[in-house]
Amino acid sequence: MTERKPLTLRPDLKKLREQRTLALERLANPAPAPEPLPPASPHPEHRHTPGTERSGRPDYAQRPERNARPDYKERSDRAERPSHAERPARPEHASAQQRPAARPPRPSTSVWTAETARTAPPVVPRRVAPNVQTNNPADGTRLNKRMAELGICSRREGDAWIEKGWVTVNGEVAVMGMLVQPTDKVEVSEAAKGQQKHLVTILLHKPMGFVSGQAEDGHQPAITLINPRTHWVEDGARIRFANHQLQGLAPAGRLDIDSVGLLVLTQDGRVARQLIGEDSEMEKEYLVRVTCATPDGDIATNVQAVFPAEQLARLRHGLSLDGEPLKPAQVEWQNPEQLRFVLTQGKKRQIRRMCEQVGLKVVGLKRIRMGKITLGNLPVGQWRYLGAHERF
């Protein structure tokens, strides 16, 4: 006969059975209810009595006396200040030599003498890089000018980058106005290089009646032609027009109001310096239609036949403007009524003034080339971007 095993409950059922038994016992023997607390009596000062205000507070005359703060003079915990006569006298210096030296007043320019110059505080020199000599200006070049000479940026951009701490000289952060030597190593940060990538240069076929720079005499500046409607549809540059491209956009080489042709507007100081810098030798090519003044009147047809050869030689070299001799120029006949000029400098109204000195009158002027960039098929009044592969 097999042995029977005692019956056991599962743990979860056993716990449930204990909870049920405990609940039945609490229902059979309920706990006595706690005694209620006595009601709180109101404060004596706030008990409503005859003669009190409606708020429950007693009248001012019936309020209990409060501990009034004693008067300032009657307080015993504050010591009385001694009178002026009872105060101890200050120790006097035994002699004038022991007195502290007073700070000398700042001398006025009207009474500046050698004595005041000797006693004046020393002038703190401007902070410069320790590896750059600034004693003699002839021993160095200003950093912004050196950066422009190296083709890094324009002088104005150089000053802005120096102020932002983007320029280093021999590995040390540059400061404004410092001088550098030709052997010093000038570097710019990646932030400066990234800023230059967003600068644009625009080529415009300027029509007649527009001025190159600021508006004058009621004539509109050429920059007003730079908008999406006048953008040349055959422009191969992958640049999308944005309004910020007009900020700082300036002409690099002007064209008179009566002249037409290639006008360069740029945000890049390097391009501007390359085209119109002090030491620029960039060629600019023009087609100039002229008439010749003779005793019988102006000749507008076959001007080449009546114009003296020696005067053509003077146009090439031998003229002066504003008291300075002009650089040699290439001048030749393109057709009997039109000359071709190639200049390496750009004085104001230079071609017109040159022609006046040899008896010619300019009736039409068109710029067709600046450096390696030509006007090409760009329509009048339209513009395009300078491509990434194009160089002047």
Protein backbone atom coordinates (compact mmCIF):
# COMPACT_ATOMS: atom_id res chain seq x y z
CA MET A 1 0.00 0.00 0.00
CA THR A 2 1.47 3.35 -1.07
CA GLU A 3 2.06 6.08 1.49
CA ARG A 4 -0.12 9.12 1.13
CA LYS A 5 1.59 12.52 0.96
CA PRO A 6 0.10 15.35 3.06
CA LEU A 7 -1.82 17.92 1.09
CA THR A 8 -0.13 21.35 0.78
CA LEU A 9 -1.38 24.59 -0.69
CA ARG A 10 0.49 26.67 -3.19
CA PRO A 11 2.24 29.67 -1.67
CA ASP A 12 -0.02 32.19 -3.40
CA LEU A 13 -3.18 30.37 -2.29
CA LYS A 14 -1.87 30.04 1.23
CA LYS A 15 -1.22 33.80 1.42
CA LEU A 16 -4.70 34.52 0.07
CA ARG A 17 -6.25 32.25 2.72
CA GLU A 18 -4.39 34.05 5.54
CA GLN A 19 -5.58 37.45 4.30
CA ARG A 20 -9.19 36.15 4.24
CA THR A 21 -8.99 34.84 7.78
CA LEU A 22 -7.57 38.17 9.03
CA ALA A 23 -10.36 40.10 7.35
CA LEU A 24 -13.06 37.92 8.97
CA GLU A 25 -11.55 38.46 12.40
CA ARG A 26 -11.59 42.27 11.94
CA LEU A 27 -15.25 42.15 10.93
CA ALA A 28 -16.13 40.08 13.99
CA ASN A 29 -14.19 42.29 16.49
CA PRO A 30 -14.23 45.89 15.21
CA ALA A 31 -11.81 48.36 16.88
CA PRO A 32 -13.32 51.09 19.12
CA ALA A 33 -13.71 54.53 17.45
CA PRO A 34 -11.26 57.21 18.65
CA GLU A 35 -12.59 59.88 20.99
CA PRO A 36 -13.28 63.21 19.26
CA LEU A 37 -10.97 66.13 20.07
CA PRO A 38 -12.49 69.00 22.06
CA PRO A 39 -13.29 72.10 19.97
CA ALA A 40 -10.54 74.70 19.93
CA SER A 41 -11.36 77.77 21.94
CA PRO A 42 -10.74 81.17 20.32
CA HIS A 43 -7.77 83.28 21.39
CA PRO A 44 -8.58 85.68 24.22
CA GLU A 45 -7.52 88.62 22.12
CA HIS A 46 -9.84 87.58 19.28
CA ARG A 47 -12.85 86.57 21.43
CA HIS A 48 -15.89 88.63 20.52
CA THR A 49 -16.82 90.77 23.53
CA PRO A 50 -18.86 93.90 23.84
CA GLY A 51 -17.00 96.93 22.60
CA THR A 52 -14.94 95.00 20.08
CA GLU A 53 -14.71 95.62 16.32
CA ARG A 54 -16.60 93.49 13.79
CA SER A 55 -13.38 91.73 12.81
CA GLY A 56 -13.22 90.20 16.28
CA ARG A 57 -10.19 92.22 17.41
CA PRO A 58 -10.62 94.39 20.54
CA ASP A 59 -10.50 98.15 20.41
CA TYR A 60 -7.13 99.82 20.59
CA ALA A 61 -7.87 101.05 24.11
CA GLN A 62 -8.74 97.51 25.32
CA ARG A 63 -5.72 95.81 23.74
CA PRO A 64 -3.12 94.54 26.19
CA GLU A 65 -0.05 96.65 26.62
CA ARG A 66 2.78 95.59 24.33
CA ASN A 67 6.42 95.72 25.17
CA ALA A 68 7.27 99.06 23.66
CA ARG A 69 10.81 99.49 22.27
CA PRO A 70 12.78 101.82 24.53
CA ASP A 71 13.87 105.11 23.07
CA TYR A 72 17.32 105.26 21.43
CA LYS A 73 18.73 107.46 24.20
CA GLU A 74 17.21 105.29 26.96
CA ARG A 75 18.69 102.02 25.69
CA SER A 76 21.27 100.67 28.05
CA ASP A 77 22.80 98.16 25.66
CA ARG A 78 24.21 100.91 23.31
CA ALA A 79 27.28 102.73 24.45
CA GLU A 80 27.28 106.48 24.11
CA ARG A 81 29.62 107.92 21.52
CA PRO A 82 32.33 110.07 22.97
CA SER A 83 32.20 113.76 22.25
CA HIS A 84 34.57 115.40 19.82
CA ALA A 85 36.70 116.70 22.64
CA GLU A 86 37.07 113.25 24.21
CA ARG A 87 38.18 111.55 20.96
CA PRO A 88 41.86 110.66 20.78
CA ALA A 89 43.86 112.92 18.53
CA ARG A 90 45.38 111.51 15.36
CA PRO A 91 49.11 110.94 15.41
CA GLU A 92 50.92 113.68 13.54
CA HIS A 93 54.03 113.09 11.47
CA ALA A 94 57.22 114.15 13.05
CA SER A 95 58.45 115.87 9.90
CA ALA A 96 57.41 116.58 6.35
CA GLN A 97 59.73 113.86 5.09
CA GLN A 98 57.62 111.19 6.83
CA ARG A 99 54.36 112.29 5.23
CA PRO A 100 53.11 110.11 2.38
CA ALA A 101 53.80 111.62 -1.02
CA ALA A 102 50.67 113.03 -2.62
CA ARG A 103 49.83 112.03 -6.16
CA PRO A 104 50.95 114.83 -8.50
CA PRO A 105 48.13 116.44 -10.49
CA ARG A 106 47.93 115.75 -14.17
CA PRO A 107 49.79 118.52 -15.96
CA SER A 108 47.96 120.65 -18.47
CA THR A 109 49.28 121.05 -21.98
CA SER A 110 49.37 124.81 -21.51
CA VAL A 111 51.81 124.60 -18.55
CA TRP A 112 53.82 121.54 -19.59
CA THR A 113 57.43 121.95 -18.58
CA ALA A 114 60.51 119.79 -18.30
CA GLU A 115 59.81 119.28 -14.60
CA THR A 116 56.26 118.05 -15.22
CA ALA A 117 57.51 115.84 -18.01
CA ARG A 118 60.02 114.27 -15.62
CA THR A 119 57.42 113.61 -12.90
CA ALA A 120 54.63 112.48 -15.26
CA PRO A 121 53.76 108.77 -15.20
CA PRO A 122 55.31 106.74 -18.01
CA VAL A 123 53.26 106.04 -21.13
CA VAL A 124 52.33 102.38 -21.46
CA PRO A 125 53.28 101.20 -24.98
CA ARG A 126 50.75 99.38 -27.15
CA ARG A 127 50.87 95.61 -26.87
CA VAL A 128 52.64 94.00 -29.80
CA ALA A 129 53.89 90.52 -30.56
CA PRO A 130 57.26 89.88 -28.87
CA ASN A 131 58.87 88.55 -32.05
CA VAL A 132 58.20 91.68 -34.14
CA GLN A 133 60.40 94.78 -34.09
CA THR A 134 58.49 98.08 -34.03
CA ASN A 135 61.19 100.53 -33.03
CA ASN A 136 61.73 101.85 -36.54
CA PRO A 137 58.85 101.90 -39.07
CA ALA A 138 61.40 101.44 -41.85
CA ASP A 139 62.28 98.01 -40.44
CA GLY A 140 58.85 96.48 -41.06
CA THR A 141 55.50 96.64 -42.84
CA ARG A 142 52.07 96.93 -41.29
CA LEU A 143 50.47 93.52 -41.04
CA ASN A 144 47.30 94.39 -42.98
CA LYS A 145 49.40 95.76 -45.86
CA ARG A 146 51.62 92.68 -45.81
CA MET A 147 48.54 90.43 -46.00
CA ALA A 148 47.31 92.39 -49.02
CA GLU A 149 50.72 92.09 -50.69
CA LEU A 150 50.65 88.34 -50.18
CA GLY A 151 47.21 88.16 -51.77
CA ILE A 152 45.58 86.82 -48.60
CA CYS A 153 42.93 89.53 -48.34
CA SER A 154 42.42 93.27 -48.57
CA ARG A 155 43.64 95.68 -45.91
CA ARG A 156 40.14 96.21 -44.57
CA GLU A 157 39.53 92.48 -44.34
CA GLY A 158 42.93 92.07 -42.68
CA ASP A 159 42.02 94.55 -39.95
CA ALA A 160 38.72 92.77 -39.32
CA TRP A 161 40.43 89.37 -39.11
CA ILE A 162 43.15 90.68 -36.79
CA GLU A 163 40.50 92.10 -34.49
CA LYS A 164 38.74 88.72 -34.38
CA GLY A 165 41.99 86.88 -33.62
CA TRP A 166 42.03 84.98 -36.93
CA VAL A 167 45.61 85.97 -37.86
CA THR A 168 48.87 84.62 -36.43
CA VAL A 169 52.45 85.77 -37.00
CA ASN A 170 55.07 83.09 -36.41
CA GLY A 171 52.49 81.07 -34.51
CA GLU A 172 51.38 83.88 -32.17
CA VAL A 173 48.07 85.73 -32.32
CA ALA A 174 48.55 89.06 -34.09
CA VAL A 175 47.51 92.45 -32.71
CA MET A 176 46.22 95.54 -34.48
CA GLY A 177 48.83 97.85 -36.00
CA MET A 178 51.82 95.55 -35.63
CA LEU A 179 54.76 95.55 -38.03
CA VAL A 180 56.16 92.44 -39.64
CA GLN A 181 59.27 91.49 -41.53
CA PRO A 182 59.39 89.78 -44.95
CA THR A 183 60.66 86.63 -43.24
CA ASP A 184 57.74 86.45 -40.76
CA LYS A 185 55.20 83.70 -41.36
CA VAL A 186 51.65 85.07 -41.62
CA GLU A 187 48.77 82.58 -41.39
CA VAL A 188 44.98 82.86 -41.13
CA SER A 189 42.50 80.52 -39.49
CA GLU A 190 40.00 78.27 -41.21
CA ALA A 191 37.20 80.61 -40.14
CA ALA A 192 38.71 83.38 -42.26
CA LYS A 193 39.14 81.07 -45.24
CA GLY A 194 35.55 79.87 -44.91
CA GLN A 195 34.30 83.44 -44.89
CA GLN A 196 36.07 84.16 -48.18
CA LYS A 197 34.39 81.23 -49.90
CA HIS A 198 31.02 83.01 -49.71
CA LEU A 199 32.28 86.25 -51.35
CA VAL A 200 31.03 86.78 -54.90
CA THR A 201 32.31 88.70 -57.93
CA ILE A 202 29.80 89.85 -60.55
CA LEU A 203 30.38 90.80 -64.19
CA LEU A 204 27.89 93.35 -65.52
CA HIS A 205 27.38 94.72 -69.02
CA LYS A 206 26.76 98.31 -67.94
CA PRO A 207 24.44 100.28 -70.21
CA MET A 208 24.67 104.02 -70.83
CA GLY A 209 23.07 106.30 -68.24
CA PHE A 210 24.17 104.38 -65.12
CA VAL A 211 27.00 105.46 -62.84
CA SER A 212 29.48 102.94 -61.52
CA GLY A 213 29.46 103.90 -57.84
CA GLN A 214 27.14 106.02 -55.71
CA ALA A 215 24.11 107.70 -57.24
CA GLU A 216 24.83 111.22 -58.50
CA ASP A 217 22.93 113.90 -60.39
CA GLY A 218 19.78 111.80 -60.34
CA HIS A 219 21.42 108.85 -62.11
CA GLN A 220 21.04 105.34 -60.69
CA PRO A 221 24.08 103.29 -59.66
CA ALA A 222 24.91 100.15 -61.58
CA ILE A 223 24.31 97.96 -58.54
CA THR A 224 20.55 98.49 -58.96
CA LEU A 225 20.77 96.25 -62.04
CA ILE A 226 21.88 93.28 -59.90
CA ASN A 227 18.68 91.33 -59.27
CA PRO A 228 17.21 87.94 -60.28
CA ARG A 229 15.37 89.40 -63.29
CA THR A 230 18.57 90.64 -64.99
CA HIS A 231 20.64 87.51 -64.26
CA TRP A 232 21.91 86.05 -67.54
CA VAL A 233 20.15 82.77 -68.25
CA GLU A 234 23.32 81.27 -69.77
CA ASP A 235 25.39 81.85 -66.64
CA GLY A 236 27.31 78.64 -65.97
CA ALA A 237 28.18 79.41 -62.34
CA ARG A 238 26.33 77.24 -59.83
CA ILE A 239 25.51 80.08 -57.45
CA ARG A 240 22.04 81.08 -56.37
CA PHE A 241 21.31 84.78 -55.95
CA ALA A 242 20.72 86.05 -52.39
CA ASN A 243 20.30 89.54 -50.97
CA HIS A 244 23.35 89.25 -48.74
CA GLN A 245 25.49 89.15 -51.88
CA LEU A 246 24.75 92.86 -52.35
CA GLN A 247 26.33 93.77 -49.02
CA GLY A 248 29.77 95.26 -49.55
CA LEU A 249 29.48 94.80 -53.32
CA ALA A 250 31.58 97.58 -54.88
CA PRO A 251 32.85 98.36 -58.40
CA ALA A 252 36.49 97.48 -59.11
CA GLY A 253 37.27 100.00 -61.81
CA ARG A 254 34.73 102.63 -62.80
CA LEU A 255 33.04 103.37 -66.11
CA ASP A 256 31.76 106.85 -66.97
CA ILE A 257 28.05 107.44 -67.26
CA ASP A 258 28.44 107.75 -71.06
CA SER A 259 30.54 104.57 -71.31
CA VAL A 260 29.33 100.98 -71.62
CA GLY A 261 30.83 97.54 -71.31
CA LEU A 262 32.36 95.28 -68.70
CA LEU A 263 31.98 96.45 -65.09
CA VAL A 264 33.26 94.27 -62.26
CA LEU A 265 31.55 94.43 -58.87
CA THR A 266 33.04 92.34 -56.08
CA GLN A 267 32.86 91.59 -52.36
CA ASP A 268 36.37 90.12 -52.43
CA GLY A 269 39.12 92.56 -51.51
CA ARG A 270 41.69 90.37 -53.25
CA VAL A 271 39.93 90.87 -56.59
CA ALA A 272 39.63 94.61 -56.02
CA ARG A 273 43.32 94.94 -55.21
CA GLN A 274 44.24 92.85 -58.24
CA LEU A 275 42.25 95.13 -60.56
CA ILE A 276 42.67 98.62 -59.10
CA GLY A 277 45.39 98.31 -56.45
CA GLU A 278 48.22 100.82 -56.21
CA ASP A 279 50.67 98.40 -57.81
CA SER A 280 48.15 96.84 -60.22
CA GLU A 281 49.36 96.25 -63.80
CA MET A 282 46.09 94.68 -64.96
CA GLU A 283 45.31 95.33 -68.62
CA LYS A 284 41.99 96.94 -69.56
CA GLU A 285 40.92 96.90 -73.20
CA TYR A 286 38.56 99.45 -74.75
CA LEU A 287 37.00 100.10 -78.14
CA VAL A 288 36.76 103.86 -78.73
CA ARG A 289 34.83 105.53 -81.55
CA VAL A 290 36.23 109.00 -82.31
CA THR A 291 35.87 112.02 -84.57
CA CYS A 292 38.67 114.32 -85.62
CA ALA A 293 38.58 118.12 -85.35
CA THR A 294 39.88 119.94 -88.48
CA PRO A 295 39.70 123.56 -89.69
CA ASP A 296 36.84 122.50 -91.93
CA GLY A 297 34.91 120.89 -89.02
CA ASP A 298 34.69 117.52 -87.32
CA ILE A 299 35.33 114.44 -89.47
CA ALA A 300 33.36 111.37 -88.39
CA THR A 301 34.14 109.01 -91.29
CA ASN A 302 37.55 107.62 -92.24
CA VAL A 303 39.21 109.42 -89.36
CA GLN A 304 42.26 107.22 -89.76
CA ALA A 305 43.08 108.84 -93.11
CA VAL A 306 43.29 112.38 -91.72
CA PHE A 307 44.74 111.70 -88.28
CA PRO A 308 48.53 112.33 -88.14
CA ALA A 309 50.74 109.35 -87.33
CA GLU A 310 52.85 111.39 -84.85
CA GLN A 311 49.72 112.12 -82.82
CA LEU A 312 48.97 108.39 -82.67
CA ALA A 313 52.51 107.90 -81.32
CA ARG A 314 51.78 110.48 -78.58
CA LEU A 315 48.68 108.49 -77.55
CA ARG A 316 50.88 105.45 -77.08
CA HIS A 317 53.47 107.27 -74.98
CA GLY A 318 54.20 110.92 -74.34
CA LEU A 319 51.10 112.42 -72.70
CA SER A 320 50.63 113.60 -69.12
CA LEU A 321 47.57 114.00 -66.93
CA ASP A 322 47.35 115.89 -63.63
CA GLY A 323 51.03 116.77 -63.89
CA GLU A 324 52.16 113.12 -64.11
CA PRO A 325 53.37 111.28 -67.24
CA LEU A 326 51.15 108.40 -68.30
CA LYS A 327 52.34 104.85 -68.58
CA PRO A 328 52.84 103.44 -72.09
CA ALA A 329 49.60 102.27 -73.71
CA GLN A 330 48.71 100.15 -76.71
CA VAL A 331 46.75 102.22 -79.22
CA GLU A 332 45.92 101.11 -82.76
CA TRP A 333 43.16 101.50 -85.32
CA GLN A 334 40.46 98.86 -85.14
CA ASN A 335 38.68 100.35 -88.19
CA PRO A 336 38.77 103.81 -89.84
CA GLU A 337 36.50 105.32 -87.13
CA GLN A 338 37.46 103.24 -84.08
CA LEU A 339 40.58 102.90 -81.94
CA ARG A 340 41.61 100.07 -79.67
CA PHE A 341 43.16 101.08 -76.32
CA VAL A 342 44.91 98.76 -73.85
CA LEU A 343 45.78 100.55 -70.61
CA THR A 344 47.48 99.40 -67.40
CA GLN A 345 46.28 102.34 -65.29
CA GLY A 346 42.92 103.96 -64.73
CA LYS A 347 42.80 107.68 -64.14
CA LYS A 348 39.48 109.49 -64.17
CA ARG A 349 38.19 109.89 -67.75
CA GLN A 350 41.69 108.98 -68.94
CA ILE A 351 40.89 107.96 -72.54
CA ARG A 352 38.65 110.97 -73.18
CA ARG A 353 41.27 113.39 -71.83
CA MET A 354 44.04 111.69 -73.80
CA CYS A 355 42.07 112.03 -77.04
CA GLU A 356 41.33 115.71 -76.36
CA GLN A 357 45.07 116.45 -76.18
CA VAL A 358 45.62 115.13 -79.75
CA GLY A 359 42.53 116.65 -81.37
CA LEU A 360 40.16 113.66 -81.12
CA LYS A 361 36.68 113.58 -79.63
CA VAL A 362 35.28 110.40 -78.13
CA VAL A 363 31.72 109.66 -79.23
CA GLY A 364 31.55 106.10 -77.93
CA LEU A 365 33.55 104.01 -75.45
CA LYS A 366 33.15 100.34 -74.57
CA ARG A 367 35.27 98.21 -72.25
CA ILE A 368 35.54 94.65 -73.51
CA ARG A 369 38.23 93.06 -71.33
CA MET A 370 39.80 93.22 -67.86
CA GLY A 371 42.80 90.95 -67.50
CA LYS A 372 41.80 87.55 -68.87
CA ILE A 373 38.06 88.12 -68.46
CA THR A 374 36.20 89.33 -71.55
CA LEU A 375 32.71 90.72 -71.97
CA GLY A 376 31.81 88.01 -74.47
CA ASN A 377 28.14 87.55 -75.34
CA LEU A 378 26.80 89.02 -72.11
CA PRO A 379 23.75 91.13 -73.11
CA VAL A 380 23.50 94.81 -72.22
CA GLY A 381 22.01 95.38 -68.77
CA GLN A 382 22.51 91.76 -67.65
CA TRP A 383 25.09 90.17 -65.35
CA ARG A 384 26.69 86.87 -64.41
CA TYR A 385 28.91 85.47 -61.66
CA LEU A 386 32.65 85.06 -62.01
CA GLY A 387 33.12 81.30 -62.26
CA ALA A 388 35.24 79.33 -59.80
CA HIS A 389 37.63 78.42 -62.61
CA GLU A 390 37.99 81.99 -63.95
CA ARG A 391 40.91 84.21 -62.99
CA PHE A 392 41.72 87.76 -63.97
